[in-house]
PDB file of all heavy atoms in Angstrom:
ATOM      1  N   GLN A   1     -89.632  -7.731 -49.485  1.00  0.00           N
ATOM      2  CA  GLN A   1     -88.118  -7.602 -49.454  1.00  0.00           C
ATOM      3  C   GLN A   1     -87.509  -8.949 -49.215  1.00  0.00           C
ATOM      4  O   GLN A   1     -87.739  -9.647 -48.265  1.00  0.00           O
ATOM      5  CB  GLN A   1     -87.710  -6.608 -48.371  1.00  0.00           C
ATOM      6  CG  GLN A   1     -86.229  -6.310 -48.352  1.00  0.00           C
ATOM      7  CD  GLN A   1     -85.859  -4.959 -47.708  1.00  0.00           C
ATOM      8  OE1 GLN A   1     -85.426  -4.064 -48.299  1.00  0.00           O
ATOM      9  NE2 GLN A   1     -86.140  -4.847 -46.380  1.00  0.00           N
ATOM     10  N   THR A   2     -86.461  -9.219 -50.040  1.00  0.00           N
ATOM     11  CA  THR A   2     -85.810 -10.524 -49.931  1.00  0.00           C
ATOM     12  C   THR A   2     -84.679 -10.415 -48.839  1.00  0.00           C
ATOM     13  O   THR A   2     -84.318  -9.324 -48.490  1.00  0.00           O
ATOM     14  CB  THR A   2     -85.190 -10.918 -51.330  1.00  0.00           C
ATOM     15  OG1 THR A   2     -84.200  -9.979 -51.621  1.00  0.00           O
ATOM     16  CG2 THR A   2     -86.201 -10.980 -52.396  1.00  0.00           C
ATOM     17  N   GLU A   3     -84.086 -11.565 -48.522  1.00  0.00           N
ATOM     18  CA  GLU A   3     -82.955 -11.547 -47.625  1.00  0.00           C
ATOM     19  C   GLU A   3     -81.731 -10.766 -48.180  1.00  0.00           C
ATOM     20  O   GLU A   3     -81.099 -10.082 -47.429  1.00  0.00           O
ATOM     21  CB  GLU A   3     -82.559 -13.046 -47.289  1.00  0.00           C
ATOM     22  CG  GLU A   3     -81.464 -13.132 -46.322  1.00  0.00           C
ATOM     23  CD  GLU A   3     -81.129 -14.570 -45.821  1.00  0.00           C
ATOM     24  OE1 GLU A   3     -81.732 -15.481 -46.439  1.00  0.00           O
ATOM     25  OE2 GLU A   3     -80.311 -14.681 -44.968  1.00  0.00           O
ATOM     26  N   ARG A   4     -81.494 -11.009 -49.431  1.00  0.00           N
ATOM     27  CA  ARG A   4     -80.405 -10.292 -50.045  1.00  0.00           C
ATOM     28  C   ARG A   4     -80.608  -8.741 -49.947  1.00  0.00           C
ATOM     29  O   ARG A   4     -79.631  -8.003 -49.671  1.00  0.00           O
ATOM     30  CB  ARG A   4     -80.195 -10.690 -51.528  1.00  0.00           C
ATOM     31  CG  ARG A   4     -79.046  -9.982 -52.230  1.00  0.00           C
ATOM     32  CD  ARG A   4     -78.899 -10.541 -53.595  1.00  0.00           C
ATOM     33  NE  ARG A   4     -78.420 -11.883 -53.578  1.00  0.00           N
ATOM     34  CZ  ARG A   4     -78.003 -12.635 -54.682  1.00  0.00           C
ATOM     35  NH1 ARG A   4     -78.155 -12.041 -55.891  1.00  0.00           N
ATOM     36  NH2 ARG A   4     -77.579 -13.804 -54.527  1.00  0.00           N
ATOM     37  N   GLN A   5     -81.808  -8.319 -50.279  1.00  0.00           N
ATOM     38  CA  GLN A   5     -82.071  -6.884 -50.250  1.00  0.00           C
ATOM     39  C   GLN A   5     -81.979  -6.335 -48.822  1.00  0.00           C
ATOM     40  O   GLN A   5     -81.399  -5.233 -48.585  1.00  0.00           O
ATOM     41  CB  GLN A   5     -83.457  -6.596 -50.825  1.00  0.00           C
ATOM     42  CG  GLN A   5     -83.592  -6.788 -52.279  1.00  0.00           C
ATOM     43  CD  GLN A   5     -85.050  -6.814 -52.704  1.00  0.00           C
ATOM     44  OE1 GLN A   5     -85.954  -7.241 -52.030  1.00  0.00           O
ATOM     45  NE2 GLN A   5     -85.270  -6.285 -53.897  1.00  0.00           N
ATOM     46  N   PHE A   6     -82.454  -7.113 -47.878  1.00  0.00           N
ATOM     47  CA  PHE A   6     -82.396  -6.655 -46.465  1.00  0.00           C
ATOM     48  C   PHE A   6     -80.964  -6.614 -45.993  1.00  0.00           C
ATOM     49  O   PHE A   6     -80.574  -5.646 -45.359  1.00  0.00           O
ATOM     50  CB  PHE A   6     -83.259  -7.669 -45.661  1.00  0.00           C
ATOM     51  CG  PHE A   6     -83.130  -7.318 -44.148  1.00  0.00           C
ATOM     52  CD1 PHE A   6     -83.902  -6.285 -43.593  1.00  0.00           C
ATOM     53  CD2 PHE A   6     -82.454  -8.096 -43.258  1.00  0.00           C
ATOM     54  CE1 PHE A   6     -83.854  -5.993 -42.268  1.00  0.00           C
ATOM     55  CE2 PHE A   6     -82.369  -7.845 -41.968  1.00  0.00           C
ATOM     56  CZ  PHE A   6     -83.091  -6.769 -41.388  1.00  0.00           C
ATOM     57  N   ASP A   7     -80.212  -7.648 -46.406  1.00  0.00           N
ATOM     58  CA  ASP A   7     -78.783  -7.677 -45.916  1.00  0.00           C
ATOM     59  C   ASP A   7     -78.053  -6.439 -46.520  1.00  0.00           C
ATOM     60  O   ASP A   7     -77.155  -5.830 -45.802  1.00  0.00           O
ATOM     61  CB  ASP A   7     -78.175  -8.903 -46.538  1.00  0.00           C
ATOM     62  CG  ASP A   7     -78.380 -10.165 -45.634  1.00  0.00           C
ATOM     63  OD1 ASP A   7     -79.190 -10.020 -44.664  1.00  0.00           O
ATOM     64  OD2 ASP A   7     -77.953 -11.255 -45.956  1.00  0.00           O
ATOM     65  N   ALA A   8     -78.381  -6.013 -47.721  1.00  0.00           N
ATOM     66  CA  ALA A   8     -77.688  -4.901 -48.385  1.00  0.00           C
ATOM     67  C   ALA A   8     -77.994  -3.574 -47.527  1.00  0.00           C
ATOM     68  O   ALA A   8     -77.168  -2.741 -47.383  1.00  0.00           O
ATOM     69  CB  ALA A   8     -78.210  -4.658 -49.776  1.00  0.00           C
ATOM     70  N   ARG A   9     -79.265  -3.431 -47.145  1.00  0.00           N
ATOM     71  CA  ARG A   9     -79.610  -2.353 -46.271  1.00  0.00           C
ATOM     72  C   ARG A   9     -78.811  -2.350 -44.904  1.00  0.00           C
ATOM     73  O   ARG A   9     -78.329  -1.394 -44.487  1.00  0.00           O
ATOM     74  CB  ARG A   9     -81.094  -2.290 -46.027  1.00  0.00           C
ATOM     75  CG  ARG A   9     -81.955  -1.745 -47.177  1.00  0.00           C
ATOM     76  CD  ARG A   9     -83.350  -2.164 -47.032  1.00  0.00           C
ATOM     77  NE  ARG A   9     -84.289  -1.345 -47.729  1.00  0.00           N
ATOM     78  CZ  ARG A   9     -84.474  -1.315 -49.021  1.00  0.00           C
ATOM     79  NH1 ARG A   9     -83.813  -2.153 -49.788  1.00  0.00           N
ATOM     80  NH2 ARG A   9     -85.418  -0.532 -49.556  1.00  0.00           N
ATOM     81  N   MET A  10     -78.737  -3.533 -44.270  1.00  0.00           N
ATOM     82  CA  MET A  10     -78.063  -3.637 -43.010  1.00  0.00           C
ATOM     83  C   MET A  10     -76.585  -3.408 -43.195  1.00  0.00           C
ATOM     84  O   MET A  10     -75.948  -2.782 -42.276  1.00  0.00           O
ATOM     85  CB  MET A  10     -78.269  -5.078 -42.482  1.00  0.00           C
ATOM     86  CG  MET A  10     -79.682  -5.352 -41.997  1.00  0.00           C
ATOM     87  SD  MET A  10     -80.111  -4.379 -40.461  1.00  0.00           S
ATOM     88  CE  MET A  10     -78.950  -4.919 -39.227  1.00  0.00           C
ATOM     89  N   THR A  11     -75.965  -3.875 -44.191  1.00  0.00           N
ATOM     90  CA  THR A  11     -74.552  -3.675 -44.373  1.00  0.00           C
ATOM     91  C   THR A  11     -74.128  -2.352 -44.944  1.00  0.00           C
ATOM     92  O   THR A  11     -72.942  -2.046 -45.067  1.00  0.00           O
ATOM     93  CB  THR A  11     -73.907  -4.881 -45.221  1.00  0.00           C
ATOM     94  OG1 THR A  11     -74.588  -4.884 -46.507  1.00  0.00           O
ATOM     95  CG2 THR A  11     -74.111  -6.188 -44.538  1.00  0.00           C
ATOM     96  N   ASN A  12     -75.089  -1.536 -45.264  1.00  0.00           N
ATOM     97  CA  ASN A  12     -74.780  -0.164 -45.671  1.00  0.00           C
ATOM     98  C   ASN A  12     -75.169   0.832 -44.675  1.00  0.00           C
ATOM     99  O   ASN A  12     -75.354   2.058 -44.979  1.00  0.00           O
ATOM    100  CB  ASN A  12     -75.490   0.114 -47.080  1.00  0.00           C
ATOM    101  CG  ASN A  12     -74.768  -0.480 -48.256  1.00  0.00           C
ATOM    102  OD1 ASN A  12     -73.645  -0.044 -48.607  1.00  0.00           O
ATOM    103  ND2 ASN A  12     -75.336  -1.545 -48.730  1.00  0.00           N
ATOM    104  N   ASN A  13     -75.351   0.370 -43.450  1.00  0.00           N
ATOM    105  CA  ASN A  13     -75.581   1.295 -42.373  1.00  0.00           C
ATOM    106  C   ASN A  13     -76.858   2.125 -42.444  1.00  0.00           C
ATOM    107  O   ASN A  13     -76.834   3.229 -42.038  1.00  0.00           O
ATOM    108  CB  ASN A  13     -74.320   2.224 -42.074  1.00  0.00           C
ATOM    109  CG  ASN A  13     -74.212   2.728 -40.759  1.00  0.00           C
ATOM    110  OD1 ASN A  13     -74.714   2.069 -39.749  1.00  0.00           O
ATOM    111  ND2 ASN A  13     -73.589   3.862 -40.557  1.00  0.00           N
ATOM    112  N   LEU A  14     -77.876   1.489 -42.980  1.00  0.00           N
ATOM    113  CA  LEU A  14     -79.130   2.220 -43.183  1.00  0.00           C
ATOM    114  C   LEU A  14     -80.268   1.873 -42.224  1.00  0.00           C
ATOM    115  O   LEU A  14     -81.203   2.620 -42.091  1.00  0.00           O
ATOM    116  CB  LEU A  14     -79.607   1.890 -44.615  1.00  0.00           C
ATOM    117  CG  LEU A  14     -78.683   2.348 -45.779  1.00  0.00           C
ATOM    118  CD1 LEU A  14     -79.288   1.950 -47.116  1.00  0.00           C
ATOM    119  CD2 LEU A  14     -78.418   3.769 -45.753  1.00  0.00           C
ATOM    120  N   VAL A  15     -80.196   0.686 -41.559  1.00  0.00           N
ATOM    121  CA  VAL A  15     -81.322   0.181 -40.770  1.00  0.00           C
ATOM    122  C   VAL A  15     -81.134   0.456 -39.283  1.00  0.00           C
ATOM    123  O   VAL A  15     -80.141   0.252 -38.762  1.00  0.00           O
ATOM    124  CB  VAL A  15     -81.536  -1.403 -41.012  1.00  0.00           C
ATOM    125  CG1 VAL A  15     -82.606  -1.923 -40.118  1.00  0.00           C
ATOM    126  CG2 VAL A  15     -81.819  -1.580 -42.478  1.00  0.00           C
ATOM    127  N   GLY A  16     -82.211   1.045 -38.745  1.00  0.00           N
ATOM    128  CA  GLY A  16     -82.193   1.397 -37.277  1.00  0.00           C
ATOM    129  C   GLY A  16     -82.697   0.235 -36.396  1.00  0.00           C
ATOM    130  O   GLY A  16     -82.233   0.092 -35.275  1.00  0.00           O
ATOM    131  N   ALA A  17     -83.768  -0.525 -36.890  1.00  0.00           N
ATOM    132  CA  ALA A  17     -84.347  -1.506 -36.066  1.00  0.00           C
ATOM    133  C   ALA A  17     -85.011  -2.544 -36.983  1.00  0.00           C
ATOM    134  O   ALA A  17     -85.321  -2.241 -38.189  1.00  0.00           O
ATOM    135  CB  ALA A  17     -85.379  -0.953 -35.068  1.00  0.00           C
ATOM    136  N   TYR A  18     -85.225  -3.705 -36.540  1.00  0.00           N
ATOM    137  CA  TYR A  18     -85.934  -4.777 -37.155  1.00  0.00           C
ATOM    138  C   TYR A  18     -86.275  -5.809 -36.188  1.00  0.00           C
ATOM    139  O   TYR A  18     -86.056  -5.646 -35.013  1.00  0.00           O
ATOM    140  CB  TYR A  18     -85.090  -5.371 -38.352  1.00  0.00           C
ATOM    141  CG  TYR A  18     -84.004  -6.296 -37.941  1.00  0.00           C
ATOM    142  CD1 TYR A  18     -84.109  -7.628 -38.211  1.00  0.00           C
ATOM    143  CD2 TYR A  18     -82.899  -5.871 -37.235  1.00  0.00           C
ATOM    144  CE1 TYR A  18     -83.066  -8.538 -37.876  1.00  0.00           C
ATOM    145  CE2 TYR A  18     -81.905  -6.702 -36.856  1.00  0.00           C
ATOM    146  CZ  TYR A  18     -82.002  -8.116 -37.106  1.00  0.00           C
ATOM    147  OH  TYR A  18     -81.019  -8.931 -36.730  1.00  0.00           O
ATOM    148  N   ALA A  19     -86.791  -7.003 -36.670  1.00  0.00           N
ATOM    149  CA  ALA A  19     -87.075  -8.137 -35.686  1.00  0.00           C
ATOM    150  C   ALA A  19     -86.469  -9.307 -36.471  1.00  0.00           C
ATOM    151  O   ALA A  19     -86.671  -9.466 -37.715  1.00  0.00           O
ATOM    152  CB  ALA A  19     -88.453  -8.288 -35.428  1.00  0.00           C
ATOM    153  N   GLY A  20     -85.765 -10.222 -35.788  1.00  0.00           N
ATOM    154  CA  GLY A  20     -85.162 -11.380 -36.370  1.00  0.00           C
ATOM    155  C   GLY A  20     -84.594 -12.339 -35.348  1.00  0.00           C
ATOM    156  O   GLY A  20     -84.762 -12.138 -34.103  1.00  0.00           O
ATOM    157  N   PHE A  21     -83.789 -13.243 -35.848  1.00  0.00           N
ATOM    158  CA  PHE A  21     -83.192 -14.228 -34.880  1.00  0.00           C
ATOM    159  C   PHE A  21     -82.027 -13.755 -34.244  1.00  0.00           C
ATOM    160  O   PHE A  21     -81.309 -12.796 -34.648  1.00  0.00           O
ATOM    161  CB  PHE A  21     -82.862 -15.509 -35.769  1.00  0.00           C
ATOM    162  CG  PHE A  21     -83.978 -16.309 -36.242  1.00  0.00           C
ATOM    163  CD1 PHE A  21     -84.471 -16.208 -37.582  1.00  0.00           C
ATOM    164  CD2 PHE A  21     -84.712 -17.121 -35.381  1.00  0.00           C
ATOM    165  CE1 PHE A  21     -85.554 -16.926 -37.985  1.00  0.00           C
ATOM    166  CE2 PHE A  21     -85.780 -17.766 -35.807  1.00  0.00           C
ATOM    167  CZ  PHE A  21     -86.229 -17.757 -37.060  1.00  0.00           C
ATOM    168  N   ASN A  22     -81.699 -14.408 -33.176  1.00  0.00           N
ATOM    169  CA  ASN A  22     -80.572 -14.003 -32.289  1.00  0.00           C
ATOM    170  C   ASN A  22     -79.261 -14.391 -32.983  1.00  0.00           C
ATOM    171  O   ASN A  22     -78.308 -13.568 -32.927  1.00  0.00           O
ATOM    172  CB  ASN A  22     -80.713 -14.775 -30.913  1.00  0.00           C
ATOM    173  CG  ASN A  22     -79.981 -14.094 -29.858  1.00  0.00           C
ATOM    174  OD1 ASN A  22     -79.061 -13.303 -30.055  1.00  0.00           O
ATOM    175  ND2 ASN A  22     -80.327 -14.406 -28.634  1.00  0.00           N
ATOM    176  N   GLY A  23     -79.158 -15.557 -33.493  1.00  0.00           N
ATOM    177  CA  GLY A  23     -77.939 -15.990 -34.140  1.00  0.00           C
ATOM    178  C   GLY A  23     -77.720 -15.478 -35.580  1.00  0.00           C
ATOM    179  O   GLY A  23     -76.790 -14.840 -35.912  1.00  0.00           O
ATOM    180  N   GLY A  24     -78.736 -15.843 -36.406  1.00  0.00           N
ATOM    181  CA  GLY A  24     -78.738 -15.418 -37.855  1.00  0.00           C
ATOM    182  C   GLY A  24     -78.981 -13.997 -38.094  1.00  0.00           C
ATOM    183  O   GLY A  24     -78.793 -13.524 -39.254  1.00  0.00           O
ATOM    184  N   GLY A  25     -79.368 -13.256 -37.074  1.00  0.00           N
ATOM    185  CA  GLY A  25     -79.590 -11.807 -37.183  1.00  0.00           C
ATOM    186  C   GLY A  25     -78.609 -11.044 -36.452  1.00  0.00           C
ATOM    187  O   GLY A  25     -77.670 -10.496 -36.878  1.00  0.00           O
ATOM    188  N   LEU A  26     -78.847 -10.913 -35.104  1.00  0.00           N
ATOM    189  CA  LEU A  26     -78.058 -10.097 -34.211  1.00  0.00           C
ATOM    190  C   LEU A  26     -76.569 -10.396 -34.329  1.00  0.00           C
ATOM    191  O   LEU A  26     -75.744  -9.452 -34.549  1.00  0.00           O
ATOM    192  CB  LEU A  26     -78.544 -10.260 -32.799  1.00  0.00           C
ATOM    193  CG  LEU A  26     -78.032  -9.216 -31.808  1.00  0.00           C
ATOM    194  CD1 LEU A  26     -79.050  -9.080 -30.637  1.00  0.00           C
ATOM    195  CD2 LEU A  26     -76.729  -9.635 -31.084  1.00  0.00           C
ATOM    196  N   ALA A  27     -76.163 -11.644 -34.180  1.00  0.00           N
ATOM    197  CA  ALA A  27     -74.731 -12.010 -34.266  1.00  0.00           C
ATOM    198  C   ALA A  27     -74.192 -11.841 -35.568  1.00  0.00           C
ATOM    199  O   ALA A  27     -73.039 -11.329 -35.714  1.00  0.00           O
ATOM    200  CB  ALA A  27     -74.575 -13.451 -33.766  1.00  0.00           C
ATOM    201  N   ARG A  28     -74.923 -12.280 -36.617  1.00  0.00           N
ATOM    202  CA  ARG A  28     -74.418 -12.128 -37.996  1.00  0.00           C
ATOM    203  C   ARG A  28     -74.132 -10.665 -38.389  1.00  0.00           C
ATOM    204  O   ARG A  28     -73.106 -10.410 -38.951  1.00  0.00           O
ATOM    205  CB  ARG A  28     -75.424 -12.791 -38.971  1.00  0.00           C
ATOM    206  CG  ARG A  28     -74.874 -12.958 -40.384  1.00  0.00           C
ATOM    207  CD  ARG A  28     -75.713 -13.905 -41.166  1.00  0.00           C
ATOM    208  NE  ARG A  28     -77.040 -13.430 -41.361  1.00  0.00           N
ATOM    209  CZ  ARG A  28     -77.456 -12.719 -42.527  1.00  0.00           C
ATOM    210  NH1 ARG A  28     -76.636 -12.507 -43.432  1.00  0.00           N
ATOM    211  NH2 ARG A  28     -78.671 -12.410 -42.625  1.00  0.00           N
ATOM    212  N   PHE A  29     -75.105  -9.880 -38.171  1.00  0.00           N
ATOM    213  CA  PHE A  29     -75.013  -8.403 -38.570  1.00  0.00           C
ATOM    214  C   PHE A  29     -73.902  -7.699 -37.706  1.00  0.00           C
ATOM    215  O   PHE A  29     -73.243  -6.820 -38.303  1.00  0.00           O
ATOM    216  CB  PHE A  29     -76.312  -7.705 -38.496  1.00  0.00           C
ATOM    217  CG  PHE A  29     -77.297  -8.261 -39.556  1.00  0.00           C
ATOM    218  CD1 PHE A  29     -78.553  -8.670 -39.148  1.00  0.00           C
ATOM    219  CD2 PHE A  29     -76.922  -8.166 -40.913  1.00  0.00           C
ATOM    220  CE1 PHE A  29     -79.462  -9.145 -40.117  1.00  0.00           C
ATOM    221  CE2 PHE A  29     -77.850  -8.670 -41.872  1.00  0.00           C
ATOM    222  CZ  PHE A  29     -79.061  -9.164 -41.455  1.00  0.00           C
ATOM    223  N   THR A  30     -73.798  -8.067 -36.471  1.00  0.00           N
ATOM    224  CA  THR A  30     -72.693  -7.514 -35.716  1.00  0.00           C
ATOM    225  C   THR A  30     -71.405  -7.877 -36.228  1.00  0.00           C
ATOM    226  O   THR A  30     -70.458  -7.066 -36.324  1.00  0.00           O
ATOM    227  CB  THR A  30     -72.871  -7.978 -34.174  1.00  0.00           C
ATOM    228  OG1 THR A  30     -74.111  -7.487 -33.649  1.00  0.00           O
ATOM    229  CG2 THR A  30     -71.741  -7.418 -33.309  1.00  0.00           C
TER     230      THR A  30
END
């Protein structure tokens, strides 16, 4: 899965959990 595909899942309210960075992940998706 590419970053673009993953971002699409996250921004469509589909993902419950994952692992990633504090800034580029948690803060960005929030």
